[in-house]
Amino acid sequence: MARKLHYKKESPQLELDVTTFMNLMVVLIPFLLATAVFSQVNIQELNLPTQAAGGAVPDAPLVTIEVMVRKSGLEIGDGKRITDTIARRDDKYDLAALGERLRDLKATYPEKQDVTVLLEPDIEYNDMIAVMDAVKVYKPKAAAAATILFPEVSIGDTP
């Protein structure tokens, strides 16, 4: 008589080996965190210069204030001529002096709200934003409160 061998068939237990995946994550997560760019987005409101439509004569502004950003420094003009020049110091624009001169202009023309910032080609973006901030608000070095100067900023190219 033949013997029948009966083997118990056990269901195979599959163990998931995640060691390799964990090693990958241990290396990948610090790399991604170290190379991630954490940036802050700010929005600057601008007014672009407009042209008179339909031949209508626009109301003459009280005064035109232009701040020209050049490689050599800053210039303040009235639309016809340059009224003030501020040289660069230590390869940086003197924004404190710009703020003081614009504060004097604001005292002369308190109802004036707009200013035009004119830029030479190849002016760095950070310099443009710094000048625009200085034109909008004067922040004295002392503990005095900040003064709003010209919140409506238009930009363009220098002549």
C-alpha atoms as a PDB file:
ATOM      1  CA  MET A   1       0.000   0.000   0.000  1.00  0.00           C
ATOM      2  CA  ALA A   2       1.293   3.293  -0.954  1.00  0.00           C
ATOM      3  CA  ARG A   3       1.572   5.881   1.605  1.00  0.00           C
ATOM      4  CA  LYS A   4       0.346   9.245   0.844  1.00  0.00           C
ATOM      5  CA  LEU A   5       2.393  11.954   2.277  1.00  0.00           C
ATOM      6  CA  HIS A   6       0.385  14.845   3.369  1.00  0.00           C
ATOM      7  CA  TYR A   7       2.203  18.055   3.781  1.00  0.00           C
ATOM      8  CA  LYS A   8       0.590  20.969   5.362  1.00  0.00           C
ATOM      9  CA  LYS A   9       0.720  23.786   2.987  1.00  0.00           C
ATOM     10  CA  GLU A  10       1.394  26.863   4.883  1.00  0.00           C
ATOM     11  CA  SER A  11       0.467  30.137   3.348  1.00  0.00           C
ATOM     12  CA  PRO A  12       3.630  32.027   2.655  1.00  0.00           C
ATOM     13  CA  GLN A  13       4.054  35.035   4.872  1.00  0.00           C
ATOM     14  CA  LEU A  14       5.386  37.922   2.945  1.00  0.00           C
ATOM     15  CA  GLU A  15       7.250  40.410   4.982  1.00  0.00           C
ATOM     16  CA  LEU A  16       7.678  43.726   3.328  1.00  0.00           C
ATOM     17  CA  ASP A  17      11.263  44.831   3.577  1.00  0.00           C
ATOM     18  CA  VAL A  18      11.231  48.625   3.790  1.00  0.00           C
ATOM     19  CA  THR A  19      14.825  49.024   4.873  1.00  0.00           C
ATOM     20  CA  THR A  20      15.960  50.154   1.442  1.00  0.00           C
ATOM     21  CA  PHE A  21      13.097  52.632   1.160  1.00  0.00           C
ATOM     22  CA  MET A  22      13.821  54.050   4.616  1.00  0.00           C
ATOM     23  CA  ASN A  23      17.484  54.496   3.710  1.00  0.00           C
ATOM     24  CA  LEU A  24      16.421  56.406   0.633  1.00  0.00           C
ATOM     25  CA  MET A  25      14.122  58.664   2.669  1.00  0.00           C
ATOM     26  CA  VAL A  26      16.809  59.338   5.277  1.00  0.00           C
ATOM     27  CA  VAL A  27      19.042  60.701   2.523  1.00  0.00           C
ATOM     28  CA  LEU A  28      16.412  62.324   0.311  1.00  0.00           C
ATOM     29  CA  ILE A  29      14.446  64.364   2.875  1.00  0.00           C
ATOM     30  CA  PRO A  30      17.417  66.346   4.274  1.00  0.00           C
ATOM     31  CA  PHE A  31      18.654  66.945   0.721  1.00  0.00           C
ATOM     32  CA  LEU A  32      15.292  68.320  -0.396  1.00  0.00           C
ATOM     33  CA  LEU A  33      14.972  70.498   2.713  1.00  0.00           C
ATOM     34  CA  ALA A  34      18.476  71.874   2.264  1.00  0.00           C
ATOM     35  CA  THR A  35      17.923  72.767  -1.383  1.00  0.00           C
ATOM     36  CA  ALA A  36      14.390  74.114  -1.028  1.00  0.00           C
ATOM     37  CA  VAL A  37      13.966  77.809  -1.686  1.00  0.00           C
ATOM     38  CA  PHE A  38      11.949  79.522   0.960  1.00  0.00           C
ATOM     39  CA  SER A  39      10.806  82.794  -0.515  1.00  0.00           C
ATOM     40  CA  GLN A  40       8.447  85.530   0.428  1.00  0.00           C
ATOM     41  CA  VAL A  41       6.306  87.120  -2.234  1.00  0.00           C
ATOM     42  CA  ASN A  42       5.461  90.786  -1.960  1.00  0.00           C
ATOM     43  CA  ILE A  43       3.372  92.817  -4.343  1.00  0.00           C
ATOM     44  CA  GLN A  44       4.210  96.359  -5.361  1.00  0.00           C
ATOM     45  CA  GLU A  45       1.353  98.403  -6.752  1.00  0.00           C
ATOM     46  CA  LEU A  46       2.387 100.479  -9.737  1.00  0.00           C
ATOM     47  CA  ASN A  47       0.726 103.038 -11.937  1.00  0.00           C
ATOM     48  CA  LEU A  48       1.929 103.070 -15.498  1.00  0.00           C
ATOM     49  CA  PRO A  49       2.004 106.474 -17.195  1.00  0.00           C
ATOM     50  CA  THR A  50      -1.053 107.013 -19.356  1.00  0.00           C
ATOM     51  CA  GLN A  51      -1.541 109.092 -22.442  1.00  0.00           C
ATOM     52  CA  ALA A  52      -4.405 111.509 -22.968  1.00  0.00           C
ATOM     53  CA  ALA A  53      -7.161 109.805 -24.932  1.00  0.00           C
ATOM     54  CA  GLY A  54      -9.112 111.371 -27.774  1.00  0.00           C
ATOM     55  CA  GLY A  55      -7.134 114.597 -27.873  1.00  0.00           C
ATOM     56  CA  ALA A  56      -8.529 115.633 -24.497  1.00  0.00           C
ATOM     57  CA  VAL A  57      -6.274 117.916 -22.534  1.00  0.00           C
ATOM     58  CA  PRO A  58      -5.525 116.392 -19.144  1.00  0.00           C
ATOM     59  CA  ASP A  59      -5.589 118.535 -16.048  1.00  0.00           C
ATOM     60  CA  ALA A  60      -2.168 120.021 -15.458  1.00  0.00           C
ATOM     61  CA  PRO A  61      -0.591 118.464 -12.373  1.00  0.00           C
ATOM     62  CA  LEU A  62       0.502 120.758  -9.583  1.00  0.00           C
ATOM     63  CA  VAL A  63       4.068 119.607  -9.882  1.00  0.00           C
ATOM     64  CA  THR A  64       5.827 116.621 -11.397  1.00  0.00           C
ATOM     65  CA  ILE A  65       8.266 114.721  -9.220  1.00  0.00           C
ATOM     66  CA  GLU A  66      10.634 112.295 -10.898  1.00  0.00           C
ATOM     67  CA  VAL A  67      13.226 110.140  -9.187  1.00  0.00           C
ATOM     68  CA  MET A  68      15.827 108.899 -11.667  1.00  0.00           C
ATOM     69  CA  VAL A  69      17.851 105.840 -10.710  1.00  0.00           C
ATOM     70  CA  ARG A  70      21.200 105.875 -12.491  1.00  0.00           C
ATOM     71  CA  LYS A  71      24.335 103.775 -12.053  1.00  0.00           C
ATOM     72  CA  SER A  72      26.109 106.847 -10.639  1.00  0.00           C
ATOM     73  CA  GLY A  73      23.388 107.742  -8.135  1.00  0.00           C
ATOM     74  CA  LEU A  74      19.917 109.176  -7.723  1.00  0.00           C
ATOM     75  CA  GLU A  75      18.519 112.329  -9.267  1.00  0.00           C
ATOM     76  CA  ILE A  76      15.338 114.202  -8.392  1.00  0.00           C
ATOM     77  CA  GLY A  77      13.696 116.233 -11.124  1.00  0.00           C
ATOM     78  CA  ASP A  78      10.568 118.249 -11.819  1.00  0.00           C
ATOM     79  CA  GLY A  79       9.926 116.937 -15.324  1.00  0.00           C
ATOM     80  CA  LYS A  80      11.975 119.679 -17.015  1.00  0.00           C
ATOM     81  CA  ARG A  81      15.267 119.727 -15.154  1.00  0.00           C
ATOM     82  CA  ILE A  82      17.193 117.946 -12.432  1.00  0.00           C
ATOM     83  CA  THR A  83      16.747 119.707  -9.118  1.00  0.00           C
ATOM     84  CA  ASP A  84      18.820 117.467  -6.850  1.00  0.00           C
ATOM     85  CA  THR A  85      21.523 114.815  -7.165  1.00  0.00           C
ATOM     86  CA  ILE A  86      22.410 112.140  -4.596  1.00  0.00           C
ATOM     87  CA  ALA A  87      25.658 110.252  -5.252  1.00  0.00           C
ATOM     88  CA  ARG A  88      26.160 106.591  -4.364  1.00  0.00           C
ATOM     89  CA  ARG A  89      28.009 105.789  -1.150  1.00  0.00           C
ATOM     90  CA  ASP A  90      30.019 102.611  -0.716  1.00  0.00           C
ATOM     91  CA  ASP A  91      28.486 101.215  -3.916  1.00  0.00           C
ATOM     92  CA  LYS A  92      24.949 101.648  -2.497  1.00  0.00           C
ATOM     93  CA  TYR A  93      22.238 104.196  -3.089  1.00  0.00           C
ATOM     94  CA  ASP A  94      21.810 106.724  -0.269  1.00  0.00           C
ATOM     95  CA  LEU A  95      18.134 106.054   0.429  1.00  0.00           C
ATOM     96  CA  ALA A  96      18.180 108.009   3.692  1.00  0.00           C
ATOM     97  CA  ALA A  97      19.170 111.199   1.843  1.00  0.00           C
ATOM     98  CA  LEU A  98      16.522 110.470  -0.794  1.00  0.00           C
ATOM     99  CA  GLY A  99      13.893 110.117   1.915  1.00  0.00           C
ATOM    100  CA  GLU A 100      14.893 113.393   3.549  1.00  0.00           C
ATOM    101  CA  ARG A 101      14.729 115.319   0.265  1.00  0.00           C
ATOM    102  CA  LEU A 102      11.393 113.783  -0.645  1.00  0.00           C
ATOM    103  CA  ARG A 103      10.090 114.601   2.829  1.00  0.00           C
ATOM    104  CA  ASP A 104      10.970 118.248   2.151  1.00  0.00           C
ATOM    105  CA  LEU A 105       9.103 118.065  -1.176  1.00  0.00           C
ATOM    106  CA  LYS A 106       6.102 116.502   0.576  1.00  0.00           C
ATOM    107  CA  ALA A 107       6.107 119.385   3.078  1.00  0.00           C
ATOM    108  CA  THR A 108       6.083 121.824   0.143  1.00  0.00           C
ATOM    109  CA  TYR A 109       3.347 119.929  -1.745  1.00  0.00           C
ATOM    110  CA  PRO A 110       1.275 118.092   0.897  1.00  0.00           C
ATOM    111  CA  GLU A 111      -1.553 117.224  -1.517  1.00  0.00           C
ATOM    112  CA  LYS A 112       0.806 115.537  -3.988  1.00  0.00           C
ATOM    113  CA  GLN A 113       0.362 111.730  -3.959  1.00  0.00           C
ATOM    114  CA  ASP A 114       2.187 110.496  -7.044  1.00  0.00           C
ATOM    115  CA  VAL A 115       5.790 110.224  -8.152  1.00  0.00           C
ATOM    116  CA  THR A 116       7.512 108.733 -11.176  1.00  0.00           C
ATOM    117  CA  VAL A 117      10.558 106.483 -10.754  1.00  0.00           C
ATOM    118  CA  LEU A 118      12.672 106.409 -13.920  1.00  0.00           C
ATOM    119  CA  LEU A 119      15.284 103.675 -14.291  1.00  0.00           C
ATOM    120  CA  GLU A 120      18.377 103.311 -16.428  1.00  0.00           C
ATOM    121  CA  PRO A 121      18.818  99.967 -18.176  1.00  0.00           C
ATOM    122  CA  ASP A 122      20.578  97.268 -16.130  1.00  0.00           C
ATOM    123  CA  ILE A 123      19.511  98.628 -12.731  1.00  0.00           C
ATOM    124  CA  GLU A 124      19.166  95.701 -10.356  1.00  0.00           C
ATOM    125  CA  TYR A 125      15.673  94.673  -9.309  1.00  0.00           C
ATOM    126  CA  ASN A 126      16.467  94.924  -5.583  1.00  0.00           C
ATOM    127  CA  ASP A 127      17.678  98.497  -6.057  1.00  0.00           C
ATOM    128  CA  MET A 128      14.463  99.402  -7.878  1.00  0.00           C
ATOM    129  CA  ILE A 129      12.308  97.963  -5.088  1.00  0.00           C
ATOM    130  CA  ALA A 130      14.399  99.716  -2.407  1.00  0.00           C
ATOM    131  CA  VAL A 131      13.995 103.081  -4.182  1.00  0.00           C
ATOM    132  CA  MET A 132      10.259 102.512  -4.579  1.00  0.00           C
ATOM    133  CA  ASP A 133       9.953 101.753  -0.861  1.00  0.00           C
ATOM    134  CA  ALA A 134      11.950 104.884   0.006  1.00  0.00           C
ATOM    135  CA  VAL A 135       9.700 106.978  -2.253  1.00  0.00           C
ATOM    136  CA  LYS A 136       6.522 105.659  -0.631  1.00  0.00           C
ATOM    137  CA  VAL A 137       7.454 105.914   3.041  1.00  0.00           C
ATOM    138  CA  TYR A 138      10.113 107.895   4.908  1.00  0.00           C
ATOM    139  CA  LYS A 139      11.507 105.918   7.848  1.00  0.00           C
ATOM    140  CA  PRO A 140      13.762 108.085  10.011  1.00  0.00           C
ATOM    141  CA  LYS A 141      16.644 106.478  11.881  1.00  0.00           C
ATOM    142  CA  ALA A 142      15.360 107.836  15.170  1.00  0.00           C
ATOM    143  CA  ALA A 143      12.393 106.318  16.976  1.00  0.00           C
ATOM    144  CA  ALA A 144      10.058 108.778  15.238  1.00  0.00           C
ATOM    145  CA  ALA A 145       7.067 107.455  13.344  1.00  0.00           C
ATOM    146  CA  ALA A 146       7.265 106.763   9.615  1.00  0.00           C
ATOM    147  CA  THR A 147       5.819 109.358   7.227  1.00  0.00           C
ATOM    148  CA  ILE A 148       3.878 108.430   4.103  1.00  0.00           C
ATOM    149  CA  LEU A 149       5.348 110.369   1.190  1.00  0.00           C
ATOM    150  CA  PHE A 150       4.113 109.419  -2.279  1.00  0.00           C
ATOM    151  CA  PRO A 151       2.118 106.166  -2.274  1.00  0.00           C
ATOM    152  CA  GLU A 152       1.238 106.255  -5.987  1.00  0.00           C
ATOM    153  CA  VAL A 153       4.349 105.202  -7.893  1.00  0.00           C
ATOM    154  CA  SER A 154       4.725 105.098 -11.672  1.00  0.00           C
ATOM    155  CA  ILE A 155       7.779 103.612 -13.336  1.00  0.00           C
ATOM    156  CA  GLY A 156       9.492 104.247 -16.655  1.00  0.00           C
ATOM    157  CA  ASP A 157      12.811 104.524 -18.457  1.00  0.00           C
ATOM    158  CA  THR A 158      15.196 107.405 -17.900  1.00  0.00           C
ATOM    159  CA  PRO A 159      15.572 109.868 -20.748  1.00  0.00           C
END
